[in-house]
Full PDB file with SEQRES, HELIX, SHEET, SSBOND, CRYST1, ORIGX, SCALE, CONECT and MASTER records, all heavy atoms in Angstrom:
SEQRES   1 A   36  TYR ARG GLN ALA ALA GLY LYS GLU ARG GLU LEU VAL ALA          
SEQRES   2 A   36  SER ILE SER ASN GLY GLY SER THR ASN TYR ALA ASP SER          
SEQRES   3 A   36  VAL LYS GLY ARG PHE THR ILE SER ARG ASP                      
SHEET    1 AA1 2 ALA A  13  ILE A  15  0                                        
SHEET    2 AA1 2 THR A  21  TYR A  23 -1                                        
CRYST1    1.000    1.000    1.000  90.00  90.00  90.00 P 1           1          
ORIGX1      1.000000  0.000000  0.000000        0.00000                         
ORIGX2      0.000000  1.000000  0.000000        0.00000                         
ORIGX3      0.000000  0.000000  1.000000        0.00000                         
SCALE1      1.000000  0.000000  0.000000        0.00000                         
SCALE2      0.000000  1.000000  0.000000        0.00000                         
SCALE3      0.000000  0.000000  1.000000        0.00000                         
ATOM      1  N   TYR A   1     -20.148 -12.125 -11.125  1.00  0.00           N  
ATOM      2  CA  TYR A   1     -18.882 -11.927 -10.443  1.00  0.00           C  
ATOM      3  C   TYR A   1     -17.792 -11.683 -11.490  1.00  0.00           C  
ATOM      4  O   TYR A   1     -17.959 -12.017 -12.662  1.00  0.00           O  
ATOM      5  CB  TYR A   1     -18.498 -13.184  -9.654  1.00  0.00           C  
ATOM      6  CG  TYR A   1     -19.458 -13.569  -8.563  1.00  0.00           C  
ATOM      7  CD1 TYR A   1     -20.685 -14.158  -8.848  1.00  0.00           C  
ATOM      8  CD2 TYR A   1     -19.122 -13.353  -7.225  1.00  0.00           C  
ATOM      9  CE1 TYR A   1     -21.562 -14.512  -7.841  1.00  0.00           C  
ATOM     10  CE2 TYR A   1     -19.991 -13.717  -6.206  1.00  0.00           C  
ATOM     11  CZ  TYR A   1     -21.199 -14.297  -6.522  1.00  0.00           C  
ATOM     12  OH  TYR A   1     -22.066 -14.657  -5.518  1.00  0.00           O  
ATOM     13  N   ARG A   2     -16.682 -11.136 -11.026  1.00  0.00           N  
ATOM     14  CA  ARG A   2     -15.540 -11.035 -11.914  1.00  0.00           C  
ATOM     15  C   ARG A   2     -14.264 -11.244 -11.127  1.00  0.00           C  
ATOM     16  O   ARG A   2     -14.209 -10.989  -9.927  1.00  0.00           O  
ATOM     17  CB  ARG A   2     -15.495  -9.688 -12.635  1.00  0.00           C  
ATOM     18  CG  ARG A   2     -15.218  -8.486 -11.748  1.00  0.00           C  
ATOM     19  CD  ARG A   2     -15.316  -7.206 -12.565  1.00  0.00           C  
ATOM     20  NE  ARG A   2     -15.054  -6.017 -11.761  1.00  0.00           N  
ATOM     21  CZ  ARG A   2     -15.211  -4.786 -12.204  1.00  0.00           C  
ATOM     22  NH1 ARG A   2     -15.652  -4.561 -13.447  1.00  0.00           N  
ATOM     23  NH2 ARG A   2     -14.940  -3.756 -11.412  1.00  0.00           N  
ATOM     24  N   GLN A   3     -13.256 -11.729 -11.844  1.00  0.00           N  
ATOM     25  CA  GLN A   3     -11.953 -11.935 -11.227  1.00  0.00           C  
ATOM     26  C   GLN A   3     -10.888 -11.436 -12.182  1.00  0.00           C  
ATOM     27  O   GLN A   3     -10.701 -11.995 -13.274  1.00  0.00           O  
ATOM     28  CB  GLN A   3     -11.724 -13.406 -10.903  1.00  0.00           C  
ATOM     29  CG  GLN A   3     -10.438 -13.653 -10.135  1.00  0.00           C  
ATOM     30  CD  GLN A   3     -10.361 -15.039  -9.537  1.00  0.00           C  
ATOM     31  OE1 GLN A   3     -11.055 -15.967  -9.979  1.00  0.00           O  
ATOM     32  NE2 GLN A   3      -9.555 -15.204  -8.503  1.00  0.00           N  
ATOM     33  N   ALA A   4     -10.226 -10.384 -11.776  1.00  0.00           N  
ATOM     34  CA  ALA A   4      -9.117  -9.848 -12.557  1.00  0.00           C  
ATOM     35  C   ALA A   4      -7.840 -10.582 -12.175  1.00  0.00           C  
ATOM     36  O   ALA A   4      -7.749 -11.186 -11.105  1.00  0.00           O  
ATOM     37  CB  ALA A   4      -8.973  -8.351 -12.296  1.00  0.00           C  
ATOM     38  N   ALA A   5      -6.873 -10.534 -13.059  1.00  0.00           N  
ATOM     39  CA  ALA A   5      -5.616 -11.232 -12.825  1.00  0.00           C  
ATOM     40  C   ALA A   5      -4.995 -10.769 -11.509  1.00  0.00           C  
ATOM     41  O   ALA A   5      -4.853  -9.567 -11.261  1.00  0.00           O  
ATOM     42  CB  ALA A   5      -4.665 -10.978 -13.973  1.00  0.00           C  
ATOM     43  N   GLY A   6      -4.659 -11.725 -10.665  1.00  0.00           N  
ATOM     44  CA  GLY A   6      -4.016 -11.420  -9.402  1.00  0.00           C  
ATOM     45  C   GLY A   6      -4.920 -10.881  -8.325  1.00  0.00           C  
ATOM     46  O   GLY A   6      -4.436 -10.473  -7.261  1.00  0.00           O  
ATOM     47  N   LYS A   7      -6.225 -10.870  -8.583  1.00  0.00           N  
ATOM     48  CA  LYS A   7      -7.163 -10.339  -7.599  1.00  0.00           C  
ATOM     49  C   LYS A   7      -8.185 -11.390  -7.227  1.00  0.00           C  
ATOM     50  O   LYS A   7      -8.366 -12.391  -7.926  1.00  0.00           O  
ATOM     51  CB  LYS A   7      -7.855  -9.090  -8.151  1.00  0.00           C  
ATOM     52  CG  LYS A   7      -6.912  -7.928  -8.397  1.00  0.00           C  
ATOM     53  CD  LYS A   7      -7.678  -6.682  -8.776  1.00  0.00           C  
ATOM     54  CE  LYS A   7      -6.753  -5.489  -8.939  1.00  0.00           C  
ATOM     55  NZ  LYS A   7      -7.497  -4.248  -9.287  1.00  0.00           N  
ATOM     56  N   GLU A   8      -8.877 -11.147  -6.116  1.00  0.00           N  
ATOM     57  CA  GLU A   8      -9.918 -12.062  -5.690  1.00  0.00           C  
ATOM     58  C   GLU A   8     -11.195 -11.836  -6.518  1.00  0.00           C  
ATOM     59  O   GLU A   8     -11.424 -10.742  -7.043  1.00  0.00           O  
ATOM     60  CB  GLU A   8     -10.222 -11.852  -4.208  1.00  0.00           C  
ATOM     61  CG  GLU A   8      -9.081 -12.272  -3.304  1.00  0.00           C  
ATOM     62  CD  GLU A   8      -9.495 -12.305  -1.841  1.00  0.00           C  
ATOM     63  OE1 GLU A   8     -10.644 -11.924  -1.527  1.00  0.00           O  
ATOM     64  OE2 GLU A   8      -8.654 -12.702  -1.017  1.00  0.00           O  
ATOM     65  N   ARG A   9     -11.972 -12.884  -6.598  1.00  0.00           N  
ATOM     66  CA  ARG A   9     -13.253 -12.788  -7.281  1.00  0.00           C  
ATOM     67  C   ARG A   9     -14.175 -11.866  -6.470  1.00  0.00           C  
ATOM     68  O   ARG A   9     -14.219 -11.929  -5.247  1.00  0.00           O  
ATOM     69  CB  ARG A   9     -13.860 -14.170  -7.418  1.00  0.00           C  
ATOM     70  CG  ARG A   9     -15.058 -14.275  -8.310  1.00  0.00           C  
ATOM     71  CD  ARG A   9     -15.433 -15.734  -8.491  1.00  0.00           C  
ATOM     72  NE  ARG A   9     -14.446 -16.434  -9.299  1.00  0.00           N  
ATOM     73  CZ  ARG A   9     -14.283 -17.757  -9.283  1.00  0.00           C  
ATOM     74  NH1 ARG A   9     -15.030 -18.503  -8.507  1.00  0.00           N  
ATOM     75  NH2 ARG A   9     -13.385 -18.317 -10.065  1.00  0.00           N  
ATOM     76  N   GLU A  10     -14.909 -11.000  -7.189  1.00  0.00           N  
ATOM     77  CA  GLU A  10     -15.807 -10.080  -6.515  1.00  0.00           C  
ATOM     78  C   GLU A  10     -17.184 -10.112  -7.173  1.00  0.00           C  
ATOM     79  O   GLU A  10     -17.316 -10.317  -8.380  1.00  0.00           O  
ATOM     80  CB  GLU A  10     -15.249  -8.645  -6.576  1.00  0.00           C  
ATOM     81  CG  GLU A  10     -15.072  -8.098  -7.975  1.00  0.00           C  
ATOM     82  CD  GLU A  10     -14.711  -6.621  -8.003  1.00  0.00           C  
ATOM     83  OE1 GLU A  10     -14.924  -5.908  -7.001  1.00  0.00           O  
ATOM     84  OE2 GLU A  10     -14.235  -6.166  -9.068  1.00  0.00           O  
ATOM     85  N   LEU A  11     -18.194  -9.867  -6.351  1.00  0.00           N  
ATOM     86  CA  LEU A  11     -19.566  -9.769  -6.838  1.00  0.00           C  
ATOM     87  C   LEU A  11     -19.781  -8.355  -7.376  1.00  0.00           C  
ATOM     88  O   LEU A  11     -19.566  -7.389  -6.649  1.00  0.00           O  
ATOM     89  CB  LEU A  11     -20.544 -10.068  -5.714  1.00  0.00           C  
ATOM     90  CG  LEU A  11     -22.027  -9.961  -6.032  1.00  0.00           C  
ATOM     91  CD1 LEU A  11     -22.445 -10.996  -7.060  1.00  0.00           C  
ATOM     92  CD2 LEU A  11     -22.855 -10.115  -4.747  1.00  0.00           C  
ATOM     93  N   VAL A  12     -20.222  -8.241  -8.618  1.00  0.00           N  
ATOM     94  CA  VAL A  12     -20.416  -6.914  -9.193  1.00  0.00           C  
ATOM     95  C   VAL A  12     -21.881  -6.543  -9.347  1.00  0.00           C  
ATOM     96  O   VAL A  12     -22.214  -5.358  -9.365  1.00  0.00           O  
ATOM     97  CB  VAL A  12     -19.697  -6.754 -10.556  1.00  0.00           C  
ATOM     98  CG1 VAL A  12     -18.196  -6.888 -10.391  1.00  0.00           C  
ATOM     99  CG2 VAL A  12     -20.209  -7.755 -11.576  1.00  0.00           C  
ATOM    100  N   ALA A  13     -22.752  -7.543  -9.464  1.00  0.00           N  
ATOM    101  CA  ALA A  13     -24.174  -7.242  -9.621  1.00  0.00           C  
ATOM    102  C   ALA A  13     -24.988  -8.464  -9.234  1.00  0.00           C  
ATOM    103  O   ALA A  13     -24.541  -9.596  -9.432  1.00  0.00           O  
ATOM    104  CB  ALA A  13     -24.492  -6.846 -11.054  1.00  0.00           C  
ATOM    105  N   SER A  14     -26.174  -8.219  -8.679  1.00  0.00           N  
ATOM    106  CA  SER A  14     -27.071  -9.315  -8.360  1.00  0.00           C  
ATOM    107  C   SER A  14     -28.504  -8.896  -8.645  1.00  0.00           C  
ATOM    108  O   SER A  14     -28.827  -7.696  -8.638  1.00  0.00           O  
ATOM    109  CB  SER A  14     -26.921  -9.755  -6.912  1.00  0.00           C  
ATOM    110  OG  SER A  14     -27.289  -8.717  -6.043  1.00  0.00           O  
ATOM    111  N   ILE A  15     -29.332  -9.898  -8.886  1.00  0.00           N  
ATOM    112  CA  ILE A  15     -30.752  -9.654  -9.131  1.00  0.00           C  
ATOM    113  C   ILE A  15     -31.540 -10.730  -8.393  1.00  0.00           C  
ATOM    114  O   ILE A  15     -31.273 -11.927  -8.546  1.00  0.00           O  
ATOM    115  CB  ILE A  15     -31.067  -9.619 -10.633  1.00  0.00           C  
ATOM    116  CG1 ILE A  15     -32.533  -9.277 -10.872  1.00  0.00           C  
ATOM    117  CG2 ILE A  15     -30.664 -10.911 -11.333  1.00  0.00           C  
ATOM    118  CD1 ILE A  15     -32.844  -8.898 -12.313  1.00  0.00           C  
ATOM    119  N   SER A  16     -32.496 -10.297  -7.583  1.00  0.00           N  
ATOM    120  CA  SER A  16     -33.286 -11.236  -6.810  1.00  0.00           C  
ATOM    121  C   SER A  16     -34.325 -11.914  -7.682  1.00  0.00           C  
ATOM    122  O   SER A  16     -34.560 -11.529  -8.829  1.00  0.00           O  
ATOM    123  CB  SER A  16     -33.964 -10.515  -5.655  1.00  0.00           C  
ATOM    124  OG  SER A  16     -35.028  -9.715  -6.161  1.00  0.00           O  
ATOM    125  N   ASN A  17     -34.990 -12.924  -7.112  1.00  0.00           N  
ATOM    126  CA  ASN A  17     -36.048 -13.588  -7.869  1.00  0.00           C  
ATOM    127  C   ASN A  17     -37.205 -12.633  -8.138  1.00  0.00           C  
ATOM    128  O   ASN A  17     -37.967 -12.839  -9.083  1.00  0.00           O  
ATOM    129  CB  ASN A  17     -36.522 -14.851  -7.153  1.00  0.00           C  
ATOM    130  CG  ASN A  17     -37.001 -14.587  -5.738  1.00  0.00           C  
ATOM    131  OD1 ASN A  17     -36.791 -13.514  -5.191  1.00  0.00           O  
ATOM    132  ND2 ASN A  17     -37.617 -15.580  -5.132  1.00  0.00           N  
ATOM    133  N   GLY A  18     -37.298 -11.571  -7.357  1.00  0.00           N  
ATOM    134  CA  GLY A  18     -38.338 -10.568  -7.580  1.00  0.00           C  
ATOM    135  C   GLY A  18     -37.912  -9.429  -8.483  1.00  0.00           C  
ATOM    136  O   GLY A  18     -38.718  -8.529  -8.760  1.00  0.00           O  
ATOM    137  N   GLY A  19     -36.649  -9.441  -8.898  1.00  0.00           N  
ATOM    138  CA  GLY A  19     -36.171  -8.417  -9.813  1.00  0.00           C  
ATOM    139  C   GLY A  19     -35.431  -7.261  -9.170  1.00  0.00           C  
ATOM    140  O   GLY A  19     -34.987  -6.343  -9.873  1.00  0.00           O  
ATOM    141  N   SER A  20     -35.247  -7.282  -7.865  1.00  0.00           N  
ATOM    142  CA  SER A  20     -34.467  -6.228  -7.207  1.00  0.00           C  
ATOM    143  C   SER A  20     -32.992  -6.402  -7.546  1.00  0.00           C  
ATOM    144  O   SER A  20     -32.486  -7.522  -7.564  1.00  0.00           O  
ATOM    145  CB  SER A  20     -34.652  -6.293  -5.700  1.00  0.00           C  
ATOM    146  OG  SER A  20     -36.000  -6.062  -5.354  1.00  0.00           O  
ATOM    147  N   THR A  21     -32.322  -5.287  -7.788  1.00  0.00           N  
ATOM    148  CA  THR A  21     -30.928  -5.342  -8.211  1.00  0.00           C  
ATOM    149  C   THR A  21     -30.007  -4.615  -7.244  1.00  0.00           C  
ATOM    150  O   THR A  21     -30.423  -3.680  -6.549  1.00  0.00           O  
ATOM    151  CB  THR A  21     -30.763  -4.722  -9.610  1.00  0.00           C  
ATOM    152  OG1 THR A  21     -31.224  -3.358  -9.574  1.00  0.00           O  
ATOM    153  CG2 THR A  21     -31.563  -5.489 -10.651  1.00  0.00           C  
ATOM    154  N   ASN A  22     -28.777  -5.064  -7.219  1.00  0.00           N  
ATOM    155  CA  ASN A  22     -27.724  -4.416  -6.447  1.00  0.00           C  
ATOM    156  C   ASN A  22     -26.444  -4.427  -7.265  1.00  0.00           C  
ATOM    157  O   ASN A  22     -26.204  -5.372  -8.022  1.00  0.00           O  
ATOM    158  CB  ASN A  22     -27.485  -5.134  -5.116  1.00  0.00           C  
ATOM    159  CG  ASN A  22     -28.533  -4.799  -4.091  1.00  0.00           C  
ATOM    160  OD1 ASN A  22     -28.558  -3.701  -3.543  1.00  0.00           O  
ATOM    161  ND2 ASN A  22     -29.432  -5.737  -3.835  1.00  0.00           N  
ATOM    162  N   TYR A  23     -25.644  -3.375  -7.076  1.00  0.00           N  
ATOM    163  CA  TYR A  23     -24.418  -3.239  -7.858  1.00  0.00           C  
ATOM    164  C   TYR A  23     -23.262  -2.823  -6.965  1.00  0.00           C  
ATOM    165  O   TYR A  23     -23.441  -2.078  -6.000  1.00  0.00           O  
ATOM    166  CB  TYR A  23     -24.591  -2.183  -8.948  1.00  0.00           C  
ATOM    167  CG  TYR A  23     -25.670  -2.507  -9.943  1.00  0.00           C  
ATOM    168  CD1 TYR A  23     -26.966  -2.049  -9.770  1.00  0.00           C  
ATOM    169  CD2 TYR A  23     -25.380  -3.285 -11.055  1.00  0.00           C  
ATOM    170  CE1 TYR A  23     -27.962  -2.366 -10.673  1.00  0.00           C  
ATOM    171  CE2 TYR A  23     -26.372  -3.604 -11.978  1.00  0.00           C  
ATOM    172  CZ  TYR A  23     -27.652  -3.137 -11.773  1.00  0.00           C  
ATOM    173  OH  TYR A  23     -28.632  -3.453 -12.688  1.00  0.00           O  
ATOM    174  N   ALA A  24     -22.083  -3.289  -7.329  1.00  0.00           N  
ATOM    175  CA  ALA A  24     -20.881  -2.779  -6.684  1.00  0.00           C  
ATOM    176  C   ALA A  24     -20.696  -1.322  -7.092  1.00  0.00           C  
ATOM    177  O   ALA A  24     -21.083  -0.921  -8.201  1.00  0.00           O  
ATOM    178  CB  ALA A  24     -19.671  -3.596  -7.114  1.00  0.00           C  
ATOM    179  N   ASP A  25     -20.113  -0.549  -6.204  1.00  0.00           N  
ATOM    180  CA  ASP A  25     -19.929   0.876  -6.493  1.00  0.00           C  
ATOM    181  C   ASP A  25     -19.135   1.092  -7.788  1.00  0.00           C  
ATOM    182  O   ASP A  25     -19.375   2.059  -8.511  1.00  0.00           O  
ATOM    183  CB  ASP A  25     -19.207   1.555  -5.332  1.00  0.00           C  
ATOM    184  CG  ASP A  25     -20.111   1.713  -4.117  1.00  0.00           C  
ATOM    185  OD1 ASP A  25     -21.346   1.587  -4.259  1.00  0.00           O  
ATOM    186  OD2 ASP A  25     -19.574   1.952  -3.020  1.00  0.00           O  
ATOM    187  N   SER A  26     -18.233   0.201  -8.066  1.00  0.00           N  
ATOM    188  CA  SER A  26     -17.344   0.373  -9.220  1.00  0.00           C  
ATOM    189  C   SER A  26     -18.072   0.252 -10.561  1.00  0.00           C  
ATOM    190  O   SER A  26     -17.554   0.705 -11.583  1.00  0.00           O  
ATOM    191  CB  SER A  26     -16.201  -0.642  -9.161  1.00  0.00           C  
ATOM    192  OG  SER A  26     -16.718  -1.965  -9.140  1.00  0.00           O  
ATOM    193  N   VAL A  27     -19.264  -0.344 -10.550  1.00  0.00           N  
ATOM    194  CA  VAL A  27     -19.980  -0.540 -11.815  1.00  0.00           C  
ATOM    195  C   VAL A  27     -21.328   0.169 -11.831  1.00  0.00           C  
ATOM    196  O   VAL A  27     -22.005   0.185 -12.875  1.00  0.00           O  
ATOM    197  CB  VAL A  27     -20.179  -2.039 -12.135  1.00  0.00           C  
ATOM    198  CG1 VAL A  27     -18.844  -2.773 -12.081  1.00  0.00           C  
ATOM    199  CG2 VAL A  27     -21.191  -2.691 -11.199  1.00  0.00           C  
ATOM    200  N   LYS A  28     -21.706   0.745 -10.726  1.00  0.00           N  
ATOM    201  CA  LYS A  28     -23.016   1.378 -10.616  1.00  0.00           C  
ATOM    202  C   LYS A  28     -23.153   2.480 -11.666  1.00  0.00           C  
ATOM    203  O   LYS A  28     -22.255   3.295 -11.861  1.00  0.00           O  
ATOM    204  CB  LYS A  28     -23.190   1.951  -9.210  1.00  0.00           C  
ATOM    205  CG  LYS A  28     -24.620   2.137  -8.769  1.00  0.00           C  
ATOM    206  CD  LYS A  28     -24.677   2.472  -7.281  1.00  0.00           C  
ATOM    207  CE  LYS A  28     -24.286   1.303  -6.410  1.00  0.00           C  
ATOM    208  NZ  LYS A  28     -24.422   1.582  -4.969  1.00  0.00           N  
ATOM    209  N   GLY A  29     -24.278   2.459 -12.356  1.00  0.00           N  
ATOM    210  CA  GLY A  29     -24.521   3.461 -13.397  1.00  0.00           C  
ATOM    211  C   GLY A  29     -23.992   3.058 -14.763  1.00  0.00           C  
ATOM    212  O   GLY A  29     -24.311   3.701 -15.770  1.00  0.00           O  
ATOM    213  N   ARG A  30     -23.173   2.012 -14.798  1.00  0.00           N  
ATOM    214  CA  ARG A  30     -22.612   1.564 -16.081  1.00  0.00           C  
ATOM    215  C   ARG A  30     -23.086   0.167 -16.470  1.00  0.00           C  
ATOM    216  O   ARG A  30     -23.247  -0.131 -17.650  1.00  0.00           O  
ATOM    217  CB  ARG A  30     -21.075   1.557 -16.015  1.00  0.00           C  
ATOM    218  CG  ARG A  30     -20.456   2.901 -15.704  1.00  0.00           C  
ATOM    219  CD  ARG A  30     -18.949   2.847 -15.831  1.00  0.00           C  
ATOM    220  NE  ARG A  30     -18.342   1.915 -14.875  1.00  0.00           N  
ATOM    221  CZ  ARG A  30     -17.591   0.867 -15.224  1.00  0.00           C  
ATOM    222  NH1 ARG A  30     -17.348   0.600 -16.498  1.00  0.00           N  
ATOM    223  NH2 ARG A  30     -17.048   0.075 -14.291  1.00  0.00           N  
ATOM    224  N   PHE A  31     -23.296  -0.690 -15.479  1.00  0.00           N  
ATOM    225  CA  PHE A  31     -23.720  -2.067 -15.728  1.00  0.00           C  
ATOM    226  C   PHE A  31     -25.188  -2.224 -15.338  1.00  0.00           C  
ATOM    227  O   PHE A  31     -25.660  -1.617 -14.375  1.00  0.00           O  
ATOM    228  CB  PHE A  31     -22.894  -3.043 -14.896  1.00  0.00           C  
ATOM    229  CG  PHE A  31     -21.455  -3.196 -15.314  1.00  0.00           C  
ATOM    230  CD1 PHE A  31     -20.860  -2.351 -16.232  1.00  0.00           C  
ATOM    231  CD2 PHE A  31     -20.676  -4.210 -14.762  1.00  0.00           C  
ATOM    232  CE1 PHE A  31     -19.534  -2.497 -16.610  1.00  0.00           C  
ATOM    233  CE2 PHE A  31     -19.345  -4.374 -15.121  1.00  0.00           C  
ATOM    234  CZ  PHE A  31     -18.782  -3.509 -16.043  1.00  0.00           C  
ATOM    235  N   THR A  32     -25.882  -3.089 -16.077  1.00  0.00           N  
ATOM    236  CA  THR A  32     -27.268  -3.410 -15.760  1.00  0.00           C  
ATOM    237  C   THR A  32     -27.456  -4.918 -15.807  1.00  0.00           C  
ATOM    238  O   THR A  32     -27.150  -5.551 -16.824  1.00  0.00           O  
ATOM    239  CB  THR A  32     -28.231  -2.748 -16.755  1.00  0.00           C  
ATOM    240  OG1 THR A  32     -28.039  -1.328 -16.743  1.00  0.00           O  
ATOM    241  CG2 THR A  32     -29.679  -3.062 -16.380  1.00  0.00           C  
ATOM    242  N   ILE A  33     -27.951  -5.467 -14.712  1.00  0.00           N  
ATOM    243  CA  ILE A  33     -28.236  -6.885 -14.660  1.00  0.00           C  
ATOM    244  C   ILE A  33     -29.727  -7.100 -14.903  1.00  0.00           C  
ATOM    245  O   ILE A  33     -30.559  -6.311 -14.458  1.00  0.00           O  
ATOM    246  CB  ILE A  33     -27.799  -7.499 -13.306  1.00  0.00           C  
ATOM    247  CG1 ILE A  33     -27.891  -9.015 -13.318  1.00  0.00           C  
ATOM    248  CG2 ILE A  33     -28.575  -6.894 -12.139  1.00  0.00           C  
ATOM    249  CD1 ILE A  33     -27.258  -9.682 -12.102  1.00  0.00           C  
ATOM    250  N   SER A  34     -30.046  -8.167 -15.618  1.00  0.00           N  
ATOM    251  CA  SER A  34     -31.445  -8.508 -15.878  1.00  0.00           C  
ATOM    252  C   SER A  34     -31.549 -10.027 -15.996  1.00  0.00           C  
ATOM    253  O   SER A  34     -30.533 -10.723 -16.074  1.00  0.00           O  
ATOM    254  CB  SER A  34     -31.943  -7.827 -17.160  1.00  0.00           C  
ATOM    255  OG  SER A  34     -31.181  -8.241 -18.281  1.00  0.00           O  
ATOM    256  N   ARG A  35     -32.774 -10.505 -16.007  1.00  0.00           N  
ATOM    257  CA  ARG A  35     -32.973 -11.942 -16.081  1.00  0.00           C  
ATOM    258  C   ARG A  35     -34.184 -12.279 -16.916  1.00  0.00           C  
ATOM    259  O   ARG A  35     -35.117 -11.490 -17.017  1.00  0.00           O  
ATOM    260  CB  ARG A  35     -33.107 -12.545 -14.682  1.00  0.00           C  
ATOM    261  CG  ARG A  35     -34.339 -12.113 -13.919  1.00  0.00           C  
ATOM    262  CD  ARG A  35     -34.254 -12.532 -12.445  1.00  0.00           C  
ATOM    263  NE  ARG A  35     -34.217 -13.988 -12.312  1.00  0.00           N  
ATOM    264  CZ  ARG A  35     -33.765 -14.600 -11.209  1.00  0.00           C  
ATOM    265  NH1 ARG A  35     -33.321 -13.883 -10.181  1.00  0.00           N  
ATOM    266  NH2 ARG A  35     -33.766 -15.915 -11.150  1.00  0.00           N  
ATOM    267  N   ASP A  36     -34.151 -13.458 -17.518  1.00  0.00           N  
ATOM    268  CA  ASP A  36     -35.269 -14.009 -18.271  1.00  0.00           C  
ATOM    269  C   ASP A  36     -35.533 -15.389 -17.684  1.00  0.00           C  
ATOM    270  O   ASP A  36     -34.820 -16.353 -18.008  1.00  0.00           O  
ATOM    271  CB  ASP A  36     -34.927 -14.079 -19.753  1.00  0.00           C  
ATOM    272  CG  ASP A  36     -36.080 -14.577 -20.601  1.00  0.00           C  
ATOM    273  OD1 ASP A  36     -37.001 -15.232 -20.042  1.00  0.00           O  
ATOM    274  OD2 ASP A  36     -36.070 -14.336 -21.809  1.00  0.00           O  
TER     275      ASP A  36                                                      
MASTER        0    0    0    0    2    0    0    6  274    1    0    3          
END                                                                             
C-alpha cells in the first residue's frame, strides 16, 4: 500500500499465496511484487 501526503492509503500491488499478482492501474508495468 502507499499513502501520499493528504491522500488516503491505497493498495498498489498484491500477491496471493499461490503467486498470482494484481496491480493498480497507476503502477502496472512499472512495479513488480514478489515474495519469498
